[in-house]
Amino acid sequence: MIQNWLYDIQDYLGGAGPVAVTFLLKVLLCILVWLIGRKVISWVMNAFRNMLHRSKMQEGAITFSCSMLRILLYCVLVLWIGMQFGVTETSVAALVASAGVAIGLAFQGGLSNLAGGFIILVFQPFHVGDYIITQEKEGTVQKIDIMYTTLLTTDTRRVIVPNGTLAENVIVNVTAADRRKLEVKASISYEDDLETAKAVLNRLILENPDVLHEEETLVFVSELADSGVVLGLRCWVPTEKYYPVLWQMNERIKIEFDRAGLHIPYPQMDVHVSRDAS
């Protein structure tokens, strides 16, 4: 198409246009095509994103798919403009093959991240908004891109994790379910009354409004430790309430044990010295 425009302009100029003028016109037309192509790609991307949103696809999959499509469209635009400067299909194919080998050797880690992105997209071990833990990194998934996943920590630090690392390591999805089992342990002295301590723990469970009381609850003796008796309580709570309930339970256990005259022991050792009668 650009070549036909140039021939029409040359015919209009009487076929006497110098080579420099022809080349300049070609460059200007290619710039125009680039600007128009960017607008078209932007329109296509908006339409594609809206279509994916209407299909109720996960936000992470939408971001990943849009990134892939944008890269593909820009590659097509650049190659098409290059062909207007005389680059043939055979040259393009050879260039793509050579570039593929070079890129594969130079960016092996990047290709690993790209493959990891596909794995995350297909198997969906987590979604945007989930809280995950992996390789000493943890946070809420903010964005899943083609190469990297962005986590936001509880103190609002942004952590960028390569998708290859996520795909190759264990991922703990803390918020995958809408409820979690809470377990809290506390110790009492061997001299304290065991039934009184268990009654206090049962009461704390019943009085907490965030505990899912329709689910099973349990108070038990976990261990007869060196310094005291270790008691435990288990109950189910909404996932978003897990840490608030945990902190409340720890605080209330200390307060209520003090009121009931129960003692939380600390590590200690009793040494008995026996004197020989002689």
C-alpha atoms as a PDB file:
ATOM      1  CA  MET A   1       0.000   0.000   0.000  1.00  0.00           C
ATOM      2  CA  ILE A   2       2.781   2.431   0.898  1.00  0.00           C
ATOM      3  CA  GLN A   3       4.571   1.545  -2.323  1.00  0.00           C
ATOM      4  CA  ASN A   4       1.427   2.453  -4.337  1.00  0.00           C
ATOM      5  CA  TRP A   5       1.195   5.786  -2.501  1.00  0.00           C
ATOM      6  CA  LEU A   6       4.819   6.514  -3.357  1.00  0.00           C
ATOM      7  CA  TYR A   7       4.264   5.640  -7.045  1.00  0.00           C
ATOM      8  CA  ASP A   8       1.253   7.968  -7.161  1.00  0.00           C
ATOM      9  CA  ILE A   9       3.337  10.783  -5.620  1.00  0.00           C
ATOM     10  CA  GLN A  10       6.169  10.150  -8.069  1.00  0.00           C
ATOM     11  CA  ASP A  11       3.740  10.215 -10.987  1.00  0.00           C
ATOM     12  CA  TYR A  12       2.343  13.465  -9.640  1.00  0.00           C
ATOM     13  CA  LEU A  13       5.875  14.897  -9.532  1.00  0.00           C
ATOM     14  CA  GLY A  14       6.465  13.719 -13.077  1.00  0.00           C
ATOM     15  CA  GLY A  15       8.625  10.738 -12.113  1.00  0.00           C
ATOM     16  CA  ALA A  16      11.573  12.990 -11.391  1.00  0.00           C
ATOM     17  CA  GLY A  17      11.589  12.708  -7.622  1.00  0.00           C
ATOM     18  CA  PRO A  18      15.105  12.067  -6.374  1.00  0.00           C
ATOM     19  CA  VAL A  19      15.858   8.943  -4.345  1.00  0.00           C
ATOM     20  CA  ALA A  20      16.308  10.977  -1.150  1.00  0.00           C
ATOM     21  CA  VAL A  21      12.855  12.492  -1.508  1.00  0.00           C
ATOM     22  CA  THR A  22      11.347   9.069  -2.147  1.00  0.00           C
ATOM     23  CA  PHE A  23      13.055   7.626   0.921  1.00  0.00           C
ATOM     24  CA  LEU A  24      11.937  10.585   3.051  1.00  0.00           C
ATOM     25  CA  LEU A  25       8.364  10.146   1.912  1.00  0.00           C
ATOM     26  CA  LYS A  26       8.572   6.456   2.740  1.00  0.00           C
ATOM     27  CA  VAL A  27       9.857   7.231   6.245  1.00  0.00           C
ATOM     28  CA  LEU A  28       7.113   9.782   6.843  1.00  0.00           C
ATOM     29  CA  LEU A  29       4.443   7.359   5.684  1.00  0.00           C
ATOM     30  CA  CYS A  30       5.854   4.599   7.911  1.00  0.00           C
ATOM     31  CA  ILE A  31       5.788   6.972  10.896  1.00  0.00           C
ATOM     32  CA  LEU A  32       2.181   7.750  10.067  1.00  0.00           C
ATOM     33  CA  VAL A  33       1.378   4.052   9.848  1.00  0.00           C
ATOM     34  CA  TRP A  34       3.144   3.498  13.217  1.00  0.00           C
ATOM     35  CA  LEU A  35       1.070   6.193  14.905  1.00  0.00           C
ATOM     36  CA  ILE A  36      -2.163   4.892  13.401  1.00  0.00           C
ATOM     37  CA  GLY A  37      -1.167   1.315  14.259  1.00  0.00           C
ATOM     38  CA  ARG A  38      -0.612   2.263  17.927  1.00  0.00           C
ATOM     39  CA  LYS A  39      -4.091   3.747  18.074  1.00  0.00           C
ATOM     40  CA  VAL A  40      -5.568   0.619  16.481  1.00  0.00           C
ATOM     41  CA  ILE A  41      -3.667  -1.653  18.895  1.00  0.00           C
ATOM     42  CA  SER A  42      -4.887   0.413  21.833  1.00  0.00           C
ATOM     43  CA  TRP A  43      -8.474   0.092  20.623  1.00  0.00           C
ATOM     44  CA  VAL A  44      -8.080  -3.663  20.063  1.00  0.00           C
ATOM     45  CA  MET A  45      -6.569  -4.121  23.536  1.00  0.00           C
ATOM     46  CA  ASN A  46      -9.437  -2.241  25.197  1.00  0.00           C
ATOM     47  CA  ALA A  47     -11.994  -4.315  23.328  1.00  0.00           C
ATOM     48  CA  PHE A  48     -10.133  -7.535  24.149  1.00  0.00           C
ATOM     49  CA  ARG A  49      -9.861  -6.661  27.853  1.00  0.00           C
ATOM     50  CA  ASN A  50     -13.560  -5.771  28.052  1.00  0.00           C
ATOM     51  CA  MET A  51     -14.441  -9.061  26.383  1.00  0.00           C
ATOM     52  CA  LEU A  52     -12.362 -11.014  28.927  1.00  0.00           C
ATOM     53  CA  HIS A  53     -13.970  -9.102  31.809  1.00  0.00           C
ATOM     54  CA  ARG A  54     -17.422  -9.973  30.494  1.00  0.00           C
ATOM     55  CA  SER A  55     -16.389 -13.634  30.382  1.00  0.00           C
ATOM     56  CA  LYS A  56     -15.619 -13.389  34.146  1.00  0.00           C
ATOM     57  CA  MET A  57     -12.041 -14.583  33.654  1.00  0.00           C
ATOM     58  CA  GLN A  58      -9.650 -14.241  36.606  1.00  0.00           C
ATOM     59  CA  GLU A  59      -7.847 -10.885  36.764  1.00  0.00           C
ATOM     60  CA  GLY A  60      -4.419 -12.550  36.649  1.00  0.00           C
ATOM     61  CA  ALA A  61      -5.311 -14.454  33.473  1.00  0.00           C
ATOM     62  CA  ILE A  62      -6.672 -11.256  31.902  1.00  0.00           C
ATOM     63  CA  THR A  63      -3.439  -9.357  32.595  1.00  0.00           C
ATOM     64  CA  PHE A  64      -1.314 -12.199  31.240  1.00  0.00           C
ATOM     65  CA  SER A  65      -3.411 -12.631  28.075  1.00  0.00           C
ATOM     66  CA  CYS A  66      -3.420  -8.895  27.361  1.00  0.00           C
ATOM     67  CA  SER A  67       0.369  -8.726  27.731  1.00  0.00           C
ATOM     68  CA  MET A  68       0.817 -11.572  25.241  1.00  0.00           C
ATOM     69  CA  LEU A  69      -1.595 -10.050  22.706  1.00  0.00           C
ATOM     70  CA  ARG A  70       0.025  -6.600  22.959  1.00  0.00           C
ATOM     71  CA  ILE A  71       3.481  -8.036  22.252  1.00  0.00           C
ATOM     72  CA  LEU A  72       2.125 -10.032  19.299  1.00  0.00           C
ATOM     73  CA  LEU A  73       0.354  -7.036  17.738  1.00  0.00           C
ATOM     74  CA  TYR A  74       3.403  -4.788  18.025  1.00  0.00           C
ATOM     75  CA  CYS A  75       5.598  -7.470  16.450  1.00  0.00           C
ATOM     76  CA  VAL A  76       3.180  -7.730  13.530  1.00  0.00           C
ATOM     77  CA  LEU A  77       3.139  -3.934  13.136  1.00  0.00           C
ATOM     78  CA  VAL A  78       6.942  -3.650  13.178  1.00  0.00           C
ATOM     79  CA  LEU A  79       7.380  -6.508  10.690  1.00  0.00           C
ATOM     80  CA  TRP A  80       4.766  -5.050   8.356  1.00  0.00           C
ATOM     81  CA  ILE A  81       6.493  -1.659   8.366  1.00  0.00           C
ATOM     82  CA  GLY A  82       9.833  -3.352   7.762  1.00  0.00           C
ATOM     83  CA  MET A  83       8.412  -5.133   4.725  1.00  0.00           C
ATOM     84  CA  GLN A  84       7.519  -1.731   3.248  1.00  0.00           C
ATOM     85  CA  PHE A  85      11.255  -0.951   3.227  1.00  0.00           C
ATOM     86  CA  GLY A  86      11.993  -4.003   1.100  1.00  0.00           C
ATOM     87  CA  VAL A  87      12.347  -6.650   3.791  1.00  0.00           C
ATOM     88  CA  THR A  88      11.026  -9.888   2.234  1.00  0.00           C
ATOM     89  CA  GLU A  89       9.056 -12.654   3.918  1.00  0.00           C
ATOM     90  CA  THR A  90      12.068 -14.965   3.608  1.00  0.00           C
ATOM     91  CA  SER A  91      14.303 -12.432   5.318  1.00  0.00           C
ATOM     92  CA  VAL A  92      11.731 -11.961   8.057  1.00  0.00           C
ATOM     93  CA  ALA A  93      11.530 -15.719   8.631  1.00  0.00           C
ATOM     94  CA  ALA A  94      15.320 -16.039   8.778  1.00  0.00           C
ATOM     95  CA  LEU A  95      15.547 -13.036  11.084  1.00  0.00           C
ATOM     96  CA  VAL A  96      12.907 -14.456  13.420  1.00  0.00           C
ATOM     97  CA  ALA A  97      14.645 -17.838  13.510  1.00  0.00           C
ATOM     98  CA  SER A  98      18.052 -16.300  14.219  1.00  0.00           C
ATOM     99  CA  ALA A  99      16.620 -13.943  16.806  1.00  0.00           C
ATOM    100  CA  GLY A 100      14.809 -16.816  18.467  1.00  0.00           C
ATOM    101  CA  VAL A 101      18.025 -18.790  18.881  1.00  0.00           C
ATOM    102  CA  ALA A 102      19.950 -15.750  20.124  1.00  0.00           C
ATOM    103  CA  ILE A 103      17.221 -14.734  22.540  1.00  0.00           C
ATOM    104  CA  GLY A 104      16.891 -18.302  23.758  1.00  0.00           C
ATOM    105  CA  LEU A 105      20.593 -18.457  24.610  1.00  0.00           C
ATOM    106  CA  ALA A 106      20.800 -14.983  26.092  1.00  0.00           C
ATOM    107  CA  PHE A 107      17.603 -15.008  28.092  1.00  0.00           C
ATOM    108  CA  GLN A 108      17.196 -18.524  29.390  1.00  0.00           C
ATOM    109  CA  GLY A 109      15.948 -17.150  32.705  1.00  0.00           C
ATOM    110  CA  GLY A 110      13.450 -14.951  30.892  1.00  0.00           C
ATOM    111  CA  LEU A 111      12.095 -17.915  28.960  1.00  0.00           C
ATOM    112  CA  SER A 112      11.792 -19.785  32.248  1.00  0.00           C
ATOM    113  CA  ASN A 113       9.733 -16.888  33.606  1.00  0.00           C
ATOM    114  CA  LEU A 114       7.586 -16.910  30.479  1.00  0.00           C
ATOM    115  CA  ALA A 115       6.953 -20.649  30.846  1.00  0.00           C
ATOM    116  CA  GLY A 116       6.209 -20.105  34.530  1.00  0.00           C
ATOM    117  CA  GLY A 117       3.641 -17.493  33.571  1.00  0.00           C
ATOM    118  CA  PHE A 118       1.893 -20.010  31.311  1.00  0.00           C
ATOM    119  CA  ILE A 119       1.893 -22.580  34.130  1.00  0.00           C
ATOM    120  CA  ILE A 120       0.371 -20.078  36.552  1.00  0.00           C
ATOM    121  CA  LEU A 121      -2.231 -19.098  33.952  1.00  0.00           C
ATOM    122  CA  VAL A 122      -3.238 -22.694  33.214  1.00  0.00           C
ATOM    123  CA  PHE A 123      -3.175 -24.278  36.674  1.00  0.00           C
ATOM    124  CA  GLN A 124      -4.047 -21.109  38.652  1.00  0.00           C
ATOM    125  CA  PRO A 125      -2.394 -21.948  42.001  1.00  0.00           C
ATOM    126  CA  PHE A 126      -3.352 -18.431  43.092  1.00  0.00           C
ATOM    127  CA  HIS A 127      -5.323 -15.443  41.885  1.00  0.00           C
ATOM    128  CA  VAL A 128      -5.075 -11.682  42.240  1.00  0.00           C
ATOM    129  CA  GLY A 129      -6.016 -10.827  45.831  1.00  0.00           C
ATOM    130  CA  ASP A 130      -4.745 -14.090  47.360  1.00  0.00           C
ATOM    131  CA  TYR A 131      -2.149 -14.017  50.149  1.00  0.00           C
ATOM    132  CA  ILE A 132       0.694 -16.405  49.298  1.00  0.00           C
ATOM    133  CA  ILE A 133       3.987 -17.488  50.881  1.00  0.00           C
ATOM    134  CA  THR A 134       6.926 -18.732  48.825  1.00  0.00           C
ATOM    135  CA  GLN A 135      10.694 -18.845  49.391  1.00  0.00           C
ATOM    136  CA  GLU A 136      10.608 -16.506  52.383  1.00  0.00           C
ATOM    137  CA  LYS A 137       8.566 -14.027  50.297  1.00  0.00           C
ATOM    138  CA  GLU A 138       4.958 -13.418  51.166  1.00  0.00           C
ATOM    139  CA  GLY A 139       2.232 -10.931  50.433  1.00  0.00           C
ATOM    140  CA  THR A 140      -1.039 -10.257  48.647  1.00  0.00           C
ATOM    141  CA  VAL A 141      -0.959 -10.911  44.897  1.00  0.00           C
ATOM    142  CA  GLN A 142      -1.381  -7.513  43.269  1.00  0.00           C
ATOM    143  CA  LYS A 143      -0.668  -8.310  39.628  1.00  0.00           C
ATOM    144  CA  ILE A 144       0.302 -11.294  37.437  1.00  0.00           C
ATOM    145  CA  ASP A 145       2.270 -10.237  34.354  1.00  0.00           C
ATOM    146  CA  ILE A 146       3.807 -12.232  31.544  1.00  0.00           C
ATOM    147  CA  MET A 147       7.198 -12.484  33.303  1.00  0.00           C
ATOM    148  CA  TYR A 148       6.701 -11.447  36.914  1.00  0.00           C
ATOM    149  CA  THR A 149       4.138 -11.528  39.718  1.00  0.00           C
ATOM    150  CA  THR A 150       3.817  -8.523  42.020  1.00  0.00           C
ATOM    151  CA  LEU A 151       3.179  -9.051  45.752  1.00  0.00           C
ATOM    152  CA  LEU A 152       2.211  -6.374  48.256  1.00  0.00           C
ATOM    153  CA  THR A 153       3.427  -7.045  51.800  1.00  0.00           C
ATOM    154  CA  THR A 154       1.533  -6.145  54.969  1.00  0.00           C
ATOM    155  CA  ASP A 155       3.746  -3.062  55.378  1.00  0.00           C
ATOM    156  CA  THR A 156       2.993  -2.018  51.752  1.00  0.00           C
ATOM    157  CA  ARG A 157       6.331  -3.060  50.280  1.00  0.00           C
ATOM    158  CA  ARG A 158       6.107  -4.171  46.660  1.00  0.00           C
ATOM    159  CA  VAL A 159       7.880  -7.479  45.948  1.00  0.00           C
ATOM    160  CA  ILE A 160       8.495  -8.545  42.329  1.00  0.00           C
ATOM    161  CA  VAL A 161       8.840 -12.334  42.037  1.00  0.00           C
ATOM    162  CA  PRO A 162       9.848 -14.040  38.736  1.00  0.00           C
ATOM    163  CA  ASN A 163       7.170 -16.418  37.483  1.00  0.00           C
ATOM    164  CA  GLY A 164       9.813 -19.100  36.937  1.00  0.00           C
ATOM    165  CA  THR A 165      10.638 -19.020  40.648  1.00  0.00           C
ATOM    166  CA  LEU A 166       6.959 -19.331  41.581  1.00  0.00           C
ATOM    167  CA  ALA A 167       6.391 -22.230  39.186  1.00  0.00           C
ATOM    168  CA  GLU A 168       9.405 -24.204  40.455  1.00  0.00           C
ATOM    169  CA  ASN A 169       8.868 -23.834  44.208  1.00  0.00           C
ATOM    170  CA  VAL A 170       6.298 -24.596  46.871  1.00  0.00           C
ATOM    171  CA  ILE A 171       3.525 -22.005  47.115  1.00  0.00           C
ATOM    172  CA  VAL A 172       1.394 -21.662  50.232  1.00  0.00           C
ATOM    173  CA  ASN A 173      -1.920 -20.031  49.330  1.00  0.00           C
ATOM    174  CA  VAL A 174      -3.105 -18.768  52.713  1.00  0.00           C
ATOM    175  CA  THR A 175      -6.441 -17.368  51.518  1.00  0.00           C
ATOM    176  CA  ALA A 176      -7.443 -20.100  49.072  1.00  0.00           C
ATOM    177  CA  ALA A 177     -10.342 -21.144  51.346  1.00  0.00           C
ATOM    178  CA  ASP A 178     -12.870 -18.880  53.039  1.00  0.00           C
ATOM    179  CA  ARG A 179     -12.147 -20.307  56.512  1.00  0.00           C
ATOM    180  CA  ARG A 180      -9.122 -21.499  58.514  1.00  0.00           C
ATOM    181  CA  LYS A 181      -8.613 -23.676  61.545  1.00  0.00           C
ATOM    182  CA  LEU A 182      -7.091 -21.697  64.394  1.00  0.00           C
ATOM    183  CA  GLU A 183      -4.895 -23.453  66.960  1.00  0.00           C
ATOM    184  CA  VAL A 184      -3.654 -21.705  70.102  1.00  0.00           C
ATOM    185  CA  LYS A 185      -1.553 -23.301  72.818  1.00  0.00           C
ATOM    186  CA  ALA A 186      -0.994 -22.182  76.422  1.00  0.00           C
ATOM    187  CA  SER A 187       0.715 -23.750  79.431  1.00  0.00           C
ATOM    188  CA  ILE A 188      -0.301 -24.024  83.067  1.00  0.00           C
ATOM    189  CA  SER A 189       1.652 -25.142  86.093  1.00  0.00           C
ATOM    190  CA  TYR A 190       1.418 -28.745  87.269  1.00  0.00           C
ATOM    191  CA  GLU A 191      -0.006 -27.420  90.528  1.00  0.00           C
ATOM    192  CA  ASP A 192      -2.937 -25.688  88.766  1.00  0.00           C
ATOM    193  CA  ASP A 193      -6.365 -27.255  88.270  1.00  0.00           C
ATOM    194  CA  LEU A 194      -6.610 -28.759  84.795  1.00  0.00           C
ATOM    195  CA  GLU A 195     -10.412 -28.669  84.546  1.00  0.00           C
ATOM    196  CA  THR A 196     -10.496 -24.981  85.468  1.00  0.00           C
ATOM    197  CA  ALA A 197      -8.043 -24.169  82.683  1.00  0.00           C
ATOM    198  CA  LYS A 198     -10.038 -26.158  80.115  1.00  0.00           C
ATOM    199  CA  ALA A 199     -13.238 -24.410  81.215  1.00  0.00           C
ATOM    200  CA  VAL A 200     -11.581 -21.014  80.677  1.00  0.00           C
ATOM    201  CA  LEU A 201     -10.501 -21.971  77.151  1.00  0.00           C
ATOM    202  CA  ASN A 202     -13.950 -23.301  76.256  1.00  0.00           C
ATOM    203  CA  ARG A 203     -15.517 -20.079  77.514  1.00  0.00           C
ATOM    204  CA  LEU A 204     -13.147 -17.964  75.432  1.00  0.00           C
ATOM    205  CA  ILE A 205     -14.190 -19.872  72.333  1.00  0.00           C
ATOM    206  CA  LEU A 206     -17.900 -19.430  73.073  1.00  0.00           C
ATOM    207  CA  GLU A 207     -17.556 -15.706  73.828  1.00  0.00           C
ATOM    208  CA  ASN A 208     -15.659 -14.804  70.660  1.00  0.00           C
ATOM    209  CA  PRO A 209     -18.141 -13.592  67.999  1.00  0.00           C
ATOM    210  CA  ASP A 210     -15.739 -14.254  65.119  1.00  0.00           C
ATOM    211  CA  VAL A 211     -15.462 -17.992  65.816  1.00  0.00           C
ATOM    212  CA  LEU A 212     -17.593 -20.196  63.532  1.00  0.00           C
ATOM    213  CA  HIS A 213     -19.521 -21.897  66.341  1.00  0.00           C
ATOM    214  CA  GLU A 214     -21.372 -24.232  63.987  1.00  0.00           C
ATOM    215  CA  GLU A 215     -18.044 -25.904  63.231  1.00  0.00           C
ATOM    216  CA  GLU A 216     -16.174 -28.307  65.522  1.00  0.00           C
ATOM    217  CA  THR A 217     -14.224 -26.816  68.438  1.00  0.00           C
ATOM    218  CA  LEU A 218     -11.780 -28.639  70.661  1.00  0.00           C
ATOM    219  CA  VAL A 219      -9.871 -28.034  73.910  1.00  0.00           C
ATOM    220  CA  PHE A 220      -7.232 -30.645  74.717  1.00  0.00           C
ATOM    221  CA  VAL A 221      -4.040 -31.465  76.607  1.00  0.00           C
ATOM    222  CA  SER A 222      -1.318 -31.173  73.987  1.00  0.00           C
ATOM    223  CA  GLU A 223       1.760 -32.096  76.015  1.00  0.00           C
ATOM    224  CA  LEU A 224       3.068 -32.821  79.490  1.00  0.00           C
ATOM    225  CA  ALA A 225       6.147 -30.652  79.145  1.00  0.00           C
ATOM    226  CA  ASP A 226       9.107 -30.237  81.485  1.00  0.00           C
ATOM    227  CA  SER A 227       7.861 -26.970  82.963  1.00  0.00           C
ATOM    228  CA  GLY A 228       4.084 -27.375  82.783  1.00  0.00           C
ATOM    229  CA  VAL A 229       1.004 -28.797  81.111  1.00  0.00           C
ATOM    230  CA  VAL A 230       0.498 -27.527  77.548  1.00  0.00           C
ATOM    231  CA  LEU A 231      -3.161 -27.022  76.626  1.00  0.00           C
ATOM    232  CA  GLY A 232      -4.477 -26.338  73.141  1.00  0.00           C
ATOM    233  CA  LEU A 233      -7.668 -25.030  71.605  1.00  0.00           C
ATOM    234  CA  ARG A 234      -8.852 -25.418  68.017  1.00  0.00           C
ATOM    235  CA  CYS A 235     -11.687 -23.650  66.274  1.00  0.00           C
ATOM    236  CA  TRP A 236     -12.662 -22.449  62.803  1.00  0.00           C
ATOM    237  CA  VAL A 237     -12.628 -18.751  61.869  1.00  0.00           C
ATOM    238  CA  PRO A 238     -13.170 -16.764  58.647  1.00  0.00           C
ATOM    239  CA  THR A 239      -9.896 -16.453  56.757  1.00  0.00           C
ATOM    240  CA  GLU A 240      -9.831 -12.654  56.981  1.00  0.00           C
ATOM    241  CA  LYS A 241     -10.345 -12.900  60.778  1.00  0.00           C
ATOM    242  CA  TYR A 242      -7.567 -15.408  61.442  1.00  0.00           C
ATOM    243  CA  TYR A 243      -4.902 -13.075  62.832  1.00  0.00           C
ATOM    244  CA  PRO A 244      -7.292 -10.774  64.761  1.00  0.00           C
ATOM    245  CA  VAL A 245      -8.802 -13.790  66.529  1.00  0.00           C
ATOM    246  CA  LEU A 246      -5.336 -15.252  67.189  1.00  0.00           C
ATOM    247  CA  TRP A 247      -4.140 -12.028  68.812  1.00  0.00           C
ATOM    248  CA  GLN A 248      -7.349 -11.669  70.818  1.00  0.00           C
ATOM    249  CA  MET A 249      -7.131 -15.249  72.077  1.00  0.00           C
ATOM    250  CA  ASN A 250      -3.539 -14.857  73.232  1.00  0.00           C
ATOM    251  CA  GLU A 251      -4.406 -11.688  75.144  1.00  0.00           C
ATOM    252  CA  ARG A 252      -7.598 -13.077  76.691  1.00  0.00           C
ATOM    253  CA  ILE A 253      -5.880 -16.295  77.774  1.00  0.00           C
ATOM    254  CA  LYS A 254      -3.323 -14.322  79.788  1.00  0.00           C
ATOM    255  CA  ILE A 255      -6.020 -12.117  81.366  1.00  0.00           C
ATOM    256  CA  GLU A 256      -8.442 -14.938  82.177  1.00  0.00           C
ATOM    257  CA  PHE A 257      -5.732 -17.280  83.486  1.00  0.00           C
ATOM    258  CA  ASP A 258      -4.624 -14.531  85.890  1.00  0.00           C
ATOM    259  CA  ARG A 259      -8.210 -14.022  87.081  1.00  0.00           C
ATOM    260  CA  ALA A 260      -8.672 -17.751  87.642  1.00  0.00           C
ATOM    261  CA  GLY A 261      -5.446 -18.010  89.607  1.00  0.00           C
ATOM    262  CA  LEU A 262      -3.759 -20.117  86.920  1.00  0.00           C
ATOM    263  CA  HIS A 263      -0.048 -19.717  86.356  1.00  0.00           C
ATOM    264  CA  ILE A 264       1.685 -19.728  82.985  1.00  0.00           C
ATOM    265  CA  PRO A 265       5.026 -21.395  83.765  1.00  0.00           C
ATOM    266  CA  TYR A 266       8.400 -20.395  82.405  1.00  0.00           C
ATOM    267  CA  PRO A 267      11.258 -22.804  81.649  1.00  0.00           C
ATOM    268  CA  GLN A 268      12.836 -23.891  84.911  1.00  0.00           C
ATOM    269  CA  MET A 269      14.759 -26.735  86.444  1.00  0.00           C
ATOM    270  CA  ASP A 270      14.487 -28.012  90.020  1.00  0.00           C
ATOM    271  CA  VAL A 271      17.762 -29.213  91.502  1.00  0.00           C
ATOM    272  CA  HIS A 272      17.594 -31.379  94.640  1.00  0.00           C
ATOM    273  CA  VAL A 273      20.803 -31.581  96.683  1.00  0.00           C
ATOM    274  CA  SER A 274      21.150 -34.621  98.908  1.00  0.00           C
ATOM    275  CA  ARG A 275      23.661 -34.443 101.740  1.00  0.00           C
ATOM    276  CA  ASP A 276      25.367 -37.617 102.708  1.00  0.00           C
ATOM    277  CA  ALA A 277      24.680 -38.533 106.391  1.00  0.00           C
ATOM    278  CA  SER A 278      28.344 -39.300 106.943  1.00  0.00           C
END
